[in-house]
Amino acid sequence: MSGRYPDWNTDGRNWPNRAASQFVEADGYHWHVQSMGPDHPTAPVCVLIHGTGAATHSWRDLMPRLAQDFRVIAMDLPGHGFTRPNFKRRVTLPLMAGSIVALLDELDARPDLIVGHSAGAAIGMQMMLDRGWKVPLVGLNPALMPFPGLAAKLFPQLAKMLFTNPLVSQIFARMARYPGAVERFLGKATGSTIDRAGLKQYEILMSRSGHCDGAIRMMASWRLEPLQARMQELTGPVLLVHAAGDTAIPRSAVKGAADLIPRCTFEELKGVGHLAHEERPEQVAQMIGAFVADMTEREAG
């Protein structure tokens, strides 16, 4: 493979749900966006936000299932997948949330449901707080709480050191090209076992140093303490789901966040890891559907 960033004409030829893709200019970014489902003004909108180091492919099997009931919109985050970075723009949590809101405005889409995986849940939560939205939010293995103790201070500094060294992303990308390297990395880092189609997309992304840069740059700018301090301000219903086999996010962190959010439901999934929505998309879709139906019934009652 060659090239710093994933290329849509080559790497994207067999991209999952490619027919649903488009490129949109908004807030200084050239976004890769996927949209699927009913295309009429009254259709409820579901926004999917992936986590650090992933892209729209992460929703490849969940998205069509949700599209049976929603107009589903997913995007590659800045610096991830086929959305190129804008080095004039910082990628802090509030700024990234604001950029996605600008993208949704460009698409003339107001979310009726937000589903975020890992760091994507934090972005969705930030959007809700900043805009005063009361729509349901589902966090799948959400990364919402700061690292405890000394790690809280060391991790951002380590990420900054990695980002300022351009060789780090190049070395990581080269390592990702070794046969089986990405599969071993995902297994150890996430506790998940995903299918070959999913692995193929991660291999493409992780073998591109530009995508690796995007993930490191995002981590270097991340601060969750302000979000944690505002969680009690959330007024919409929230479902936080933790997978028992998740090696990336501990149960205590997800449960701790759930305890801070007024209208929050906490659920667990057995036998899957951090990428549970890729391992069991049907089960996750059913959980989301049941949550939304329950919220609708309560509001109607």
C-alpha atoms as a PDB file:
ATOM      1  CA  MET A   1       0.000   0.000   0.000  1.00  0.00           C
ATOM      2  CA  SER A   2       1.123   3.547  -0.622  1.00  0.00           C
ATOM      3  CA  GLY A   3      -0.117   6.985   0.327  1.00  0.00           C
ATOM      4  CA  ARG A   4      -0.511   8.707   3.641  1.00  0.00           C
ATOM      5  CA  TYR A   5      -4.313   8.781   3.700  1.00  0.00           C
ATOM      6  CA  PRO A   6      -6.956   6.248   2.655  1.00  0.00           C
ATOM      7  CA  ASP A   7      -7.975   6.875  -0.959  1.00  0.00           C
ATOM      8  CA  TRP A   8     -11.657   6.663  -1.892  1.00  0.00           C
ATOM      9  CA  ASN A   9     -10.999   5.499  -5.456  1.00  0.00           C
ATOM     10  CA  THR A  10      -8.813   2.594  -4.391  1.00  0.00           C
ATOM     11  CA  ASP A  11      -9.245   1.821  -0.676  1.00  0.00           C
ATOM     12  CA  GLY A  12     -12.911   2.787  -0.874  1.00  0.00           C
ATOM     13  CA  ARG A  13     -13.842   0.620  -3.846  1.00  0.00           C
ATOM     14  CA  ASN A  14     -15.302  -2.092  -1.630  1.00  0.00           C
ATOM     15  CA  TRP A  15     -16.131   0.100   1.348  1.00  0.00           C
ATOM     16  CA  PRO A  16     -19.163  -1.171   3.293  1.00  0.00           C
ATOM     17  CA  ASN A  17     -22.399   0.551   2.240  1.00  0.00           C
ATOM     18  CA  ARG A  18     -20.499   2.506  -0.424  1.00  0.00           C
ATOM     19  CA  ALA A  19     -23.743   3.294  -2.276  1.00  0.00           C
ATOM     20  CA  ALA A  20     -24.849   5.320   0.758  1.00  0.00           C
ATOM     21  CA  SER A  21     -21.706   7.509   0.693  1.00  0.00           C
ATOM     22  CA  GLN A  22     -21.297  11.149  -0.262  1.00  0.00           C
ATOM     23  CA  PHE A  23     -18.786  13.918   0.439  1.00  0.00           C
ATOM     24  CA  VAL A  24     -19.973  17.102   2.112  1.00  0.00           C
ATOM     25  CA  GLU A  25     -18.247  20.417   2.837  1.00  0.00           C
ATOM     26  CA  ALA A  26     -18.957  21.798   6.309  1.00  0.00           C
ATOM     27  CA  ASP A  27     -17.052  23.751   8.977  1.00  0.00           C
ATOM     28  CA  GLY A  28     -13.740  23.550   7.126  1.00  0.00           C
ATOM     29  CA  TYR A  29     -13.845  19.787   6.525  1.00  0.00           C
ATOM     30  CA  HIS A  30     -14.481  17.641   3.457  1.00  0.00           C
ATOM     31  CA  TRP A  31     -16.570  14.971   5.188  1.00  0.00           C
ATOM     32  CA  HIS A  32     -17.181  11.399   4.144  1.00  0.00           C
ATOM     33  CA  VAL A  33     -20.816  10.820   5.085  1.00  0.00           C
ATOM     34  CA  GLN A  34     -23.136   7.863   4.749  1.00  0.00           C
ATOM     35  CA  SER A  35     -26.909   8.219   4.771  1.00  0.00           C
ATOM     36  CA  MET A  36     -29.443   5.421   4.644  1.00  0.00           C
ATOM     37  CA  GLY A  37     -33.146   4.861   5.259  1.00  0.00           C
ATOM     38  CA  PRO A  38     -36.359   6.801   4.570  1.00  0.00           C
ATOM     39  CA  ASP A  39     -35.673  10.049   2.724  1.00  0.00           C
ATOM     40  CA  HIS A  40     -38.634  12.222   3.596  1.00  0.00           C
ATOM     41  CA  PRO A  41     -39.032  15.224   5.943  1.00  0.00           C
ATOM     42  CA  THR A  42     -40.980  13.366   8.631  1.00  0.00           C
ATOM     43  CA  ALA A  43     -38.531  10.465   8.983  1.00  0.00           C
ATOM     44  CA  PRO A  44     -36.812  10.405  12.394  1.00  0.00           C
ATOM     45  CA  VAL A  45     -33.052  10.932  12.183  1.00  0.00           C
ATOM     46  CA  CYS A  46     -30.483   8.705  13.897  1.00  0.00           C
ATOM     47  CA  VAL A  47     -26.887   9.967  14.014  1.00  0.00           C
ATOM     48  CA  LEU A  48     -24.077   7.424  14.416  1.00  0.00           C
ATOM     49  CA  ILE A  49     -20.698   8.596  15.791  1.00  0.00           C
ATOM     50  CA  HIS A  50     -17.802   6.132  15.739  1.00  0.00           C
ATOM     51  CA  GLY A  51     -14.902   5.991  18.185  1.00  0.00           C
ATOM     52  CA  THR A  52     -11.224   6.864  17.971  1.00  0.00           C
ATOM     53  CA  GLY A  53      -9.366   5.039  15.213  1.00  0.00           C
ATOM     54  CA  ALA A  54     -12.474   3.746  13.443  1.00  0.00           C
ATOM     55  CA  ALA A  55     -14.641   5.065  10.579  1.00  0.00           C
ATOM     56  CA  THR A  56     -18.078   4.510   9.049  1.00  0.00           C
ATOM     57  CA  HIS A  57     -17.236   0.859   8.355  1.00  0.00           C
ATOM     58  CA  SER A  58     -17.733   0.221  12.071  1.00  0.00           C
ATOM     59  CA  TRP A  59     -21.498   0.591  11.483  1.00  0.00           C
ATOM     60  CA  ARG A  60     -21.555  -1.633   8.375  1.00  0.00           C
ATOM     61  CA  ASP A  61     -24.052  -4.166   9.763  1.00  0.00           C
ATOM     62  CA  LEU A  62     -25.848  -2.077  12.389  1.00  0.00           C
ATOM     63  CA  MET A  63     -26.648   0.829  10.052  1.00  0.00           C
ATOM     64  CA  PRO A  64     -28.938  -1.100   7.632  1.00  0.00           C
ATOM     65  CA  ARG A  65     -30.871  -2.501  10.580  1.00  0.00           C
ATOM     66  CA  LEU A  66     -31.467   0.931  12.112  1.00  0.00           C
ATOM     67  CA  ALA A  67     -32.342   2.291   8.662  1.00  0.00           C
ATOM     68  CA  GLN A  68     -35.550   0.259   8.767  1.00  0.00           C
ATOM     69  CA  ASP A  69     -36.929   2.823  11.220  1.00  0.00           C
ATOM     70  CA  PHE A  70     -34.680   5.887  10.868  1.00  0.00           C
ATOM     71  CA  ARG A  71     -32.930   8.068   8.377  1.00  0.00           C
ATOM     72  CA  VAL A  72     -29.461   7.090   9.580  1.00  0.00           C
ATOM     73  CA  ILE A  73     -26.480   9.419   9.142  1.00  0.00           C
ATOM     74  CA  ALA A  74     -22.883   8.423   9.880  1.00  0.00           C
ATOM     75  CA  MET A  75     -19.637  10.243   9.192  1.00  0.00           C
ATOM     76  CA  ASP A  76     -15.897   9.663   9.342  1.00  0.00           C
ATOM     77  CA  LEU A  77     -14.604  11.920  12.115  1.00  0.00           C
ATOM     78  CA  PRO A  78     -11.972  14.542  11.172  1.00  0.00           C
ATOM     79  CA  GLY A  79      -8.657  12.843  10.398  1.00  0.00           C
ATOM     80  CA  HIS A  80     -10.322   9.424  10.300  1.00  0.00           C
ATOM     81  CA  GLY A  81     -11.142   7.273   7.301  1.00  0.00           C
ATOM     82  CA  PHE A  82     -11.907   9.408   4.265  1.00  0.00           C
ATOM     83  CA  THR A  83     -12.444  12.702   6.118  1.00  0.00           C
ATOM     84  CA  ARG A  84      -9.128  14.508   5.832  1.00  0.00           C
ATOM     85  CA  PRO A  85      -7.852  16.559   8.757  1.00  0.00           C
ATOM     86  CA  ASN A  86      -7.772  20.349   8.770  1.00  0.00           C
ATOM     87  CA  PHE A  87      -4.581  21.271  10.582  1.00  0.00           C
ATOM     88  CA  LYS A  88      -5.880  24.797  11.144  1.00  0.00           C
ATOM     89  CA  ARG A  89      -8.598  23.332  13.356  1.00  0.00           C
ATOM     90  CA  ARG A  90      -8.106  21.782  16.780  1.00  0.00           C
ATOM     91  CA  VAL A  91      -9.928  18.545  17.557  1.00  0.00           C
ATOM     92  CA  THR A  92     -10.940  19.093  21.167  1.00  0.00           C
ATOM     93  CA  LEU A  93     -14.161  17.452  22.315  1.00  0.00           C
ATOM     94  CA  PRO A  94     -16.275  20.663  22.191  1.00  0.00           C
ATOM     95  CA  LEU A  95     -14.874  21.734  18.799  1.00  0.00           C
ATOM     96  CA  MET A  96     -15.387  18.304  17.258  1.00  0.00           C
ATOM     97  CA  ALA A  97     -18.953  18.218  18.584  1.00  0.00           C
ATOM     98  CA  GLY A  98     -19.531  21.665  17.082  1.00  0.00           C
ATOM     99  CA  SER A  99     -18.165  20.538  13.712  1.00  0.00           C
ATOM    100  CA  ILE A 100     -20.579  17.607  13.596  1.00  0.00           C
ATOM    101  CA  VAL A 101     -23.466  19.924  14.440  1.00  0.00           C
ATOM    102  CA  ALA A 102     -22.362  22.139  11.525  1.00  0.00           C
ATOM    103  CA  LEU A 103     -22.311  19.066   9.273  1.00  0.00           C
ATOM    104  CA  LEU A 104     -25.836  18.122  10.362  1.00  0.00           C
ATOM    105  CA  ASP A 105     -26.982  21.680   9.697  1.00  0.00           C
ATOM    106  CA  GLU A 106     -25.522  21.416   6.196  1.00  0.00           C
ATOM    107  CA  LEU A 107     -27.465  18.185   5.713  1.00  0.00           C
ATOM    108  CA  ASP A 108     -30.602  19.830   7.131  1.00  0.00           C
ATOM    109  CA  ALA A 109     -30.814  17.037   9.707  1.00  0.00           C
ATOM    110  CA  ARG A 110     -31.811  17.378  13.353  1.00  0.00           C
ATOM    111  CA  PRO A 111     -31.179  14.176  15.342  1.00  0.00           C
ATOM    112  CA  ASP A 112     -34.013  12.326  17.025  1.00  0.00           C
ATOM    113  CA  LEU A 113     -31.554   9.700  18.315  1.00  0.00           C
ATOM    114  CA  ILE A 114     -27.788   9.733  18.790  1.00  0.00           C
ATOM    115  CA  VAL A 115     -25.778   6.512  18.989  1.00  0.00           C
ATOM    116  CA  GLY A 116     -22.100   6.801  19.848  1.00  0.00           C
ATOM    117  CA  HIS A 117     -19.448   4.158  20.265  1.00  0.00           C
ATOM    118  CA  SER A 118     -16.590   4.704  22.718  1.00  0.00           C
ATOM    119  CA  ALA A 119     -15.346   8.304  22.241  1.00  0.00           C
ATOM    120  CA  GLY A 120     -18.286   8.850  19.892  1.00  0.00           C
ATOM    121  CA  ALA A 121     -20.602   8.669  22.906  1.00  0.00           C
ATOM    122  CA  ALA A 122     -18.707  11.547  24.520  1.00  0.00           C
ATOM    123  CA  ILE A 123     -19.076  13.602  21.330  1.00  0.00           C
ATOM    124  CA  GLY A 124     -22.811  12.898  21.227  1.00  0.00           C
ATOM    125  CA  MET A 125     -23.163  13.871  24.870  1.00  0.00           C
ATOM    126  CA  GLN A 126     -21.242  17.105  24.285  1.00  0.00           C
ATOM    127  CA  MET A 127     -23.562  17.917  21.367  1.00  0.00           C
ATOM    128  CA  MET A 128     -26.615  17.388  23.566  1.00  0.00           C
ATOM    129  CA  LEU A 129     -25.269  19.603  26.340  1.00  0.00           C
ATOM    130  CA  ASP A 130     -24.111  22.406  24.052  1.00  0.00           C
ATOM    131  CA  ARG A 131     -27.360  22.480  22.054  1.00  0.00           C
ATOM    132  CA  GLY A 132     -29.756  21.689  24.889  1.00  0.00           C
ATOM    133  CA  TRP A 133     -31.073  18.678  23.007  1.00  0.00           C
ATOM    134  CA  LYS A 134     -33.248  16.226  24.920  1.00  0.00           C
ATOM    135  CA  VAL A 135     -33.173  13.409  22.361  1.00  0.00           C
ATOM    136  CA  PRO A 136     -32.340   9.833  23.424  1.00  0.00           C
ATOM    137  CA  LEU A 137     -28.656   8.927  23.416  1.00  0.00           C
ATOM    138  CA  VAL A 138     -27.168   5.426  23.350  1.00  0.00           C
ATOM    139  CA  GLY A 139     -23.537   4.977  24.376  1.00  0.00           C
ATOM    140  CA  LEU A 140     -21.998   1.671  23.295  1.00  0.00           C
ATOM    141  CA  ASN A 141     -18.984   0.869  25.481  1.00  0.00           C
ATOM    142  CA  PRO A 142     -18.729   4.634  26.037  1.00  0.00           C
ATOM    143  CA  ALA A 143     -15.449   6.392  26.870  1.00  0.00           C
ATOM    144  CA  LEU A 144     -16.870   9.074  29.171  1.00  0.00           C
ATOM    145  CA  MET A 145     -14.725   9.161  32.302  1.00  0.00           C
ATOM    146  CA  PRO A 146     -11.165  10.488  32.753  1.00  0.00           C
ATOM    147  CA  PHE A 147      -8.381   8.050  33.511  1.00  0.00           C
ATOM    148  CA  PRO A 148      -8.011   7.736  37.296  1.00  0.00           C
ATOM    149  CA  GLY A 149      -5.168   9.174  39.337  1.00  0.00           C
ATOM    150  CA  LEU A 150      -1.752   9.575  37.789  1.00  0.00           C
ATOM    151  CA  ALA A 151      -2.931   8.180  34.429  1.00  0.00           C
ATOM    152  CA  ALA A 152      -5.170  11.232  34.009  1.00  0.00           C
ATOM    153  CA  LYS A 153      -2.068  13.401  33.909  1.00  0.00           C
ATOM    154  CA  LEU A 154       0.240  11.068  32.033  1.00  0.00           C
ATOM    155  CA  PHE A 155      -2.026   9.919  29.169  1.00  0.00           C
ATOM    156  CA  PRO A 156      -2.648  13.332  27.537  1.00  0.00           C
ATOM    157  CA  GLN A 157       1.055  14.151  27.788  1.00  0.00           C
ATOM    158  CA  LEU A 158       1.989  10.797  26.237  1.00  0.00           C
ATOM    159  CA  ALA A 159      -0.472  11.350  23.396  1.00  0.00           C
ATOM    160  CA  LYS A 160       0.985  14.815  22.781  1.00  0.00           C
ATOM    161  CA  MET A 161       4.509  13.377  22.664  1.00  0.00           C
ATOM    162  CA  LEU A 162       3.384  10.753  20.173  1.00  0.00           C
ATOM    163  CA  PHE A 163       1.617  13.297  18.001  1.00  0.00           C
ATOM    164  CA  THR A 164       4.587  15.650  17.857  1.00  0.00           C
ATOM    165  CA  ASN A 165       6.780  12.795  16.604  1.00  0.00           C
ATOM    166  CA  PRO A 166       5.801  12.157  12.960  1.00  0.00           C
ATOM    167  CA  LEU A 167       7.636   8.831  12.975  1.00  0.00           C
ATOM    168  CA  VAL A 168       5.193   7.260  15.434  1.00  0.00           C
ATOM    169  CA  SER A 169       2.266   7.055  13.025  1.00  0.00           C
ATOM    170  CA  GLN A 170       4.558   5.851  10.233  1.00  0.00           C
ATOM    171  CA  ILE A 171       5.965   3.073  12.401  1.00  0.00           C
ATOM    172  CA  PHE A 172       2.486   2.033  13.553  1.00  0.00           C
ATOM    173  CA  ALA A 173       1.236   1.978   9.949  1.00  0.00           C
ATOM    174  CA  ARG A 174       4.164  -0.206   8.861  1.00  0.00           C
ATOM    175  CA  MET A 175       3.556  -2.631  11.722  1.00  0.00           C
ATOM    176  CA  ALA A 176      -0.131  -2.852  10.750  1.00  0.00           C
ATOM    177  CA  ARG A 177       0.865  -4.188   7.321  1.00  0.00           C
ATOM    178  CA  TYR A 178       2.339  -7.408   8.754  1.00  0.00           C
ATOM    179  CA  PRO A 179       0.000 -10.390   8.268  1.00  0.00           C
ATOM    180  CA  GLY A 180      -2.225 -10.882  11.307  1.00  0.00           C
ATOM    181  CA  ALA A 181      -0.927  -7.762  13.109  1.00  0.00           C
ATOM    182  CA  VAL A 182      -4.223  -5.839  13.072  1.00  0.00           C
ATOM    183  CA  GLU A 183      -6.227  -8.877  14.151  1.00  0.00           C
ATOM    184  CA  ARG A 184      -3.896  -9.453  17.109  1.00  0.00           C
ATOM    185  CA  PHE A 185      -3.952  -5.763  18.026  1.00  0.00           C
ATOM    186  CA  LEU A 186      -7.745  -5.531  17.957  1.00  0.00           C
ATOM    187  CA  GLY A 187      -8.123  -8.730  19.928  1.00  0.00           C
ATOM    188  CA  LYS A 188      -5.819  -7.533  22.688  1.00  0.00           C
ATOM    189  CA  ALA A 189      -6.964  -3.894  22.716  1.00  0.00           C
ATOM    190  CA  THR A 190     -10.715  -4.478  22.452  1.00  0.00           C
ATOM    191  CA  GLY A 191     -11.454  -8.056  23.486  1.00  0.00           C
ATOM    192  CA  SER A 192     -13.548  -8.425  20.334  1.00  0.00           C
ATOM    193  CA  THR A 193     -13.469 -10.971  17.535  1.00  0.00           C
ATOM    194  CA  ILE A 194     -14.868  -9.498  14.329  1.00  0.00           C
ATOM    195  CA  ASP A 195     -15.416 -11.007  10.897  1.00  0.00           C
ATOM    196  CA  ARG A 196     -12.946 -10.907   8.020  1.00  0.00           C
ATOM    197  CA  ALA A 197     -14.836  -8.110   6.263  1.00  0.00           C
ATOM    198  CA  GLY A 198     -14.441  -5.877   9.292  1.00  0.00           C
ATOM    199  CA  LEU A 199     -10.787  -6.767   9.736  1.00  0.00           C
ATOM    200  CA  LYS A 200     -10.094  -5.844   6.126  1.00  0.00           C
ATOM    201  CA  GLN A 201     -11.312  -2.284   6.667  1.00  0.00           C
ATOM    202  CA  TYR A 202      -9.280  -1.876   9.869  1.00  0.00           C
ATOM    203  CA  GLU A 203      -6.228  -3.158   8.014  1.00  0.00           C
ATOM    204  CA  ILE A 204      -6.715  -0.502   5.350  1.00  0.00           C
ATOM    205  CA  LEU A 205      -7.119   2.282   7.901  1.00  0.00           C
ATOM    206  CA  MET A 206      -4.343   1.294  10.279  1.00  0.00           C
ATOM    207  CA  SER A 207      -1.843   0.857   7.464  1.00  0.00           C
ATOM    208  CA  ARG A 208      -2.272   4.547   6.554  1.00  0.00           C
ATOM    209  CA  SER A 209      -0.156   6.883   8.673  1.00  0.00           C
ATOM    210  CA  GLY A 210      -2.562   9.795   8.107  1.00  0.00           C
ATOM    211  CA  HIS A 211      -5.409   7.877   9.713  1.00  0.00           C
ATOM    212  CA  CYS A 212      -3.125   6.916  12.625  1.00  0.00           C
ATOM    213  CA  ASP A 213      -2.187  10.594  12.989  1.00  0.00           C
ATOM    214  CA  GLY A 214      -5.867  11.484  13.164  1.00  0.00           C
ATOM    215  CA  ALA A 215      -6.465   9.079  16.035  1.00  0.00           C
ATOM    216  CA  ILE A 216      -3.389  10.238  17.972  1.00  0.00           C
ATOM    217  CA  ARG A 217      -4.213  13.908  17.387  1.00  0.00           C
ATOM    218  CA  MET A 218      -7.724  13.325  18.710  1.00  0.00           C
ATOM    219  CA  MET A 219      -6.423  11.587  21.850  1.00  0.00           C
ATOM    220  CA  ALA A 220      -3.892  14.353  22.429  1.00  0.00           C
ATOM    221  CA  SER A 221      -6.682  16.947  22.503  1.00  0.00           C
ATOM    222  CA  TRP A 222      -9.173  14.950  24.583  1.00  0.00           C
ATOM    223  CA  ARG A 223     -10.295  16.220  28.014  1.00  0.00           C
ATOM    224  CA  LEU A 224     -13.191  14.461  29.691  1.00  0.00           C
ATOM    225  CA  GLU A 225     -13.189  16.252  33.064  1.00  0.00           C
ATOM    226  CA  PRO A 226     -15.403  19.150  31.838  1.00  0.00           C
ATOM    227  CA  LEU A 227     -17.871  16.664  30.347  1.00  0.00           C
ATOM    228  CA  GLN A 228     -17.966  14.655  33.565  1.00  0.00           C
ATOM    229  CA  ALA A 229     -18.736  17.833  35.520  1.00  0.00           C
ATOM    230  CA  ARG A 230     -21.774  18.515  33.305  1.00  0.00           C
ATOM    231  CA  MET A 231     -23.306  15.035  33.061  1.00  0.00           C
ATOM    232  CA  GLN A 232     -25.945  15.859  35.661  1.00  0.00           C
ATOM    233  CA  GLU A 233     -27.221  18.583  33.293  1.00  0.00           C
ATOM    234  CA  LEU A 234     -28.339  16.013  30.725  1.00  0.00           C
ATOM    235  CA  THR A 235     -32.126  16.022  30.522  1.00  0.00           C
ATOM    236  CA  GLY A 236     -32.701  13.478  27.749  1.00  0.00           C
ATOM    237  CA  PRO A 237     -32.938   9.706  28.245  1.00  0.00           C
ATOM    238  CA  VAL A 238     -29.611   7.872  28.043  1.00  0.00           C
ATOM    239  CA  LEU A 239     -28.744   4.196  27.632  1.00  0.00           C
ATOM    240  CA  LEU A 240     -25.177   3.158  28.414  1.00  0.00           C
ATOM    241  CA  VAL A 241     -24.187  -0.356  27.323  1.00  0.00           C
ATOM    242  CA  HIS A 242     -21.065  -2.119  28.568  1.00  0.00           C
ATOM    243  CA  ALA A 243     -19.753  -5.367  27.092  1.00  0.00           C
ATOM    244  CA  ALA A 244     -18.438  -7.792  29.678  1.00  0.00           C
ATOM    245  CA  GLY A 245     -15.435  -8.694  27.503  1.00  0.00           C
ATOM    246  CA  ASP A 246     -14.373  -5.092  26.819  1.00  0.00           C
ATOM    247  CA  THR A 247     -10.631  -4.751  27.490  1.00  0.00           C
ATOM    248  CA  ALA A 248     -10.582  -1.032  26.589  1.00  0.00           C
ATOM    249  CA  ILE A 249     -13.232   0.495  28.879  1.00  0.00           C
ATOM    250  CA  PRO A 250     -13.765  -0.945  32.392  1.00  0.00           C
ATOM    251  CA  ARG A 251     -17.269  -1.576  33.684  1.00  0.00           C
ATOM    252  CA  SER A 252     -16.643   0.759  36.624  1.00  0.00           C
ATOM    253  CA  ALA A 253     -16.093   3.690  34.254  1.00  0.00           C
ATOM    254  CA  VAL A 254     -19.353   3.106  32.387  1.00  0.00           C
ATOM    255  CA  LYS A 255     -21.334   2.486  35.576  1.00  0.00           C
ATOM    256  CA  GLY A 256     -19.735   5.556  37.162  1.00  0.00           C
ATOM    257  CA  ALA A 257     -20.931   7.719  34.280  1.00  0.00           C
ATOM    258  CA  ALA A 258     -24.389   6.144  34.421  1.00  0.00           C
ATOM    259  CA  ASP A 259     -24.673   7.071  38.099  1.00  0.00           C
ATOM    260  CA  LEU A 260     -24.044  10.741  37.263  1.00  0.00           C
ATOM    261  CA  ILE A 261     -26.694  11.010  34.536  1.00  0.00           C
ATOM    262  CA  PRO A 262     -30.253  11.670  35.790  1.00  0.00           C
ATOM    263  CA  ARG A 263     -32.242   9.645  33.226  1.00  0.00           C
ATOM    264  CA  CYS A 264     -29.781   6.859  32.525  1.00  0.00           C
ATOM    265  CA  THR A 265     -30.254   3.126  32.031  1.00  0.00           C
ATOM    266  CA  PHE A 266     -27.247   0.819  32.345  1.00  0.00           C
ATOM    267  CA  GLU A 267     -27.142  -2.537  30.556  1.00  0.00           C
ATOM    268  CA  GLU A 268     -24.520  -5.211  29.980  1.00  0.00           C
ATOM    269  CA  LEU A 269     -23.771  -7.530  27.083  1.00  0.00           C
ATOM    270  CA  LYS A 270     -22.152 -10.888  27.737  1.00  0.00           C
ATOM    271  CA  GLY A 271     -19.652 -12.665  25.512  1.00  0.00           C
ATOM    272  CA  VAL A 272     -18.509  -9.674  23.442  1.00  0.00           C
ATOM    273  CA  GLY A 273     -15.873  -6.946  23.644  1.00  0.00           C
ATOM    274  CA  HIS A 274     -15.393  -3.268  22.899  1.00  0.00           C
ATOM    275  CA  LEU A 275     -16.624  -3.699  19.311  1.00  0.00           C
ATOM    276  CA  ALA A 276     -19.846  -5.397  20.412  1.00  0.00           C
ATOM    277  CA  HIS A 277     -21.920  -3.586  17.770  1.00  0.00           C
ATOM    278  CA  GLU A 278     -19.728  -5.178  15.089  1.00  0.00           C
ATOM    279  CA  GLU A 279     -19.855  -8.623  16.707  1.00  0.00           C
ATOM    280  CA  ARG A 280     -23.615  -8.683  17.357  1.00  0.00           C
ATOM    281  CA  PRO A 281     -25.305  -5.982  15.283  1.00  0.00           C
ATOM    282  CA  GLU A 282     -28.723  -7.649  15.437  1.00  0.00           C
ATOM    283  CA  GLN A 283     -28.716  -7.811  19.244  1.00  0.00           C
ATOM    284  CA  VAL A 284     -27.470  -4.230  19.568  1.00  0.00           C
ATOM    285  CA  ALA A 285     -30.114  -3.015  17.112  1.00  0.00           C
ATOM    286  CA  GLN A 286     -32.782  -4.753  19.196  1.00  0.00           C
ATOM    287  CA  MET A 287     -31.467  -3.110  22.375  1.00  0.00           C
ATOM    288  CA  ILE A 288     -31.576   0.315  20.739  1.00  0.00           C
ATOM    289  CA  GLY A 289     -35.060  -0.298  19.355  1.00  0.00           C
ATOM    290  CA  ALA A 290     -36.384  -1.452  22.731  1.00  0.00           C
ATOM    291  CA  PHE A 291     -34.854   1.587  24.451  1.00  0.00           C
ATOM    292  CA  VAL A 292     -36.404   4.035  21.981  1.00  0.00           C
ATOM    293  CA  ALA A 293     -39.782   2.286  22.143  1.00  0.00           C
ATOM    294  CA  ASP A 294     -39.738   2.395  25.948  1.00  0.00           C
ATOM    295  CA  MET A 295     -38.866   6.102  25.951  1.00  0.00           C
ATOM    296  CA  THR A 296     -41.628   6.839  23.432  1.00  0.00           C
ATOM    297  CA  GLU A 297     -44.162   4.917  25.504  1.00  0.00           C
ATOM    298  CA  ARG A 298     -43.174   6.751  28.695  1.00  0.00           C
ATOM    299  CA  GLU A 299     -43.459  10.157  27.055  1.00  0.00           C
ATOM    300  CA  ALA A 300     -46.822   9.241  25.550  1.00  0.00           C
ATOM    301  CA  GLY A 301     -48.045   8.065  28.950  1.00  0.00           C
END
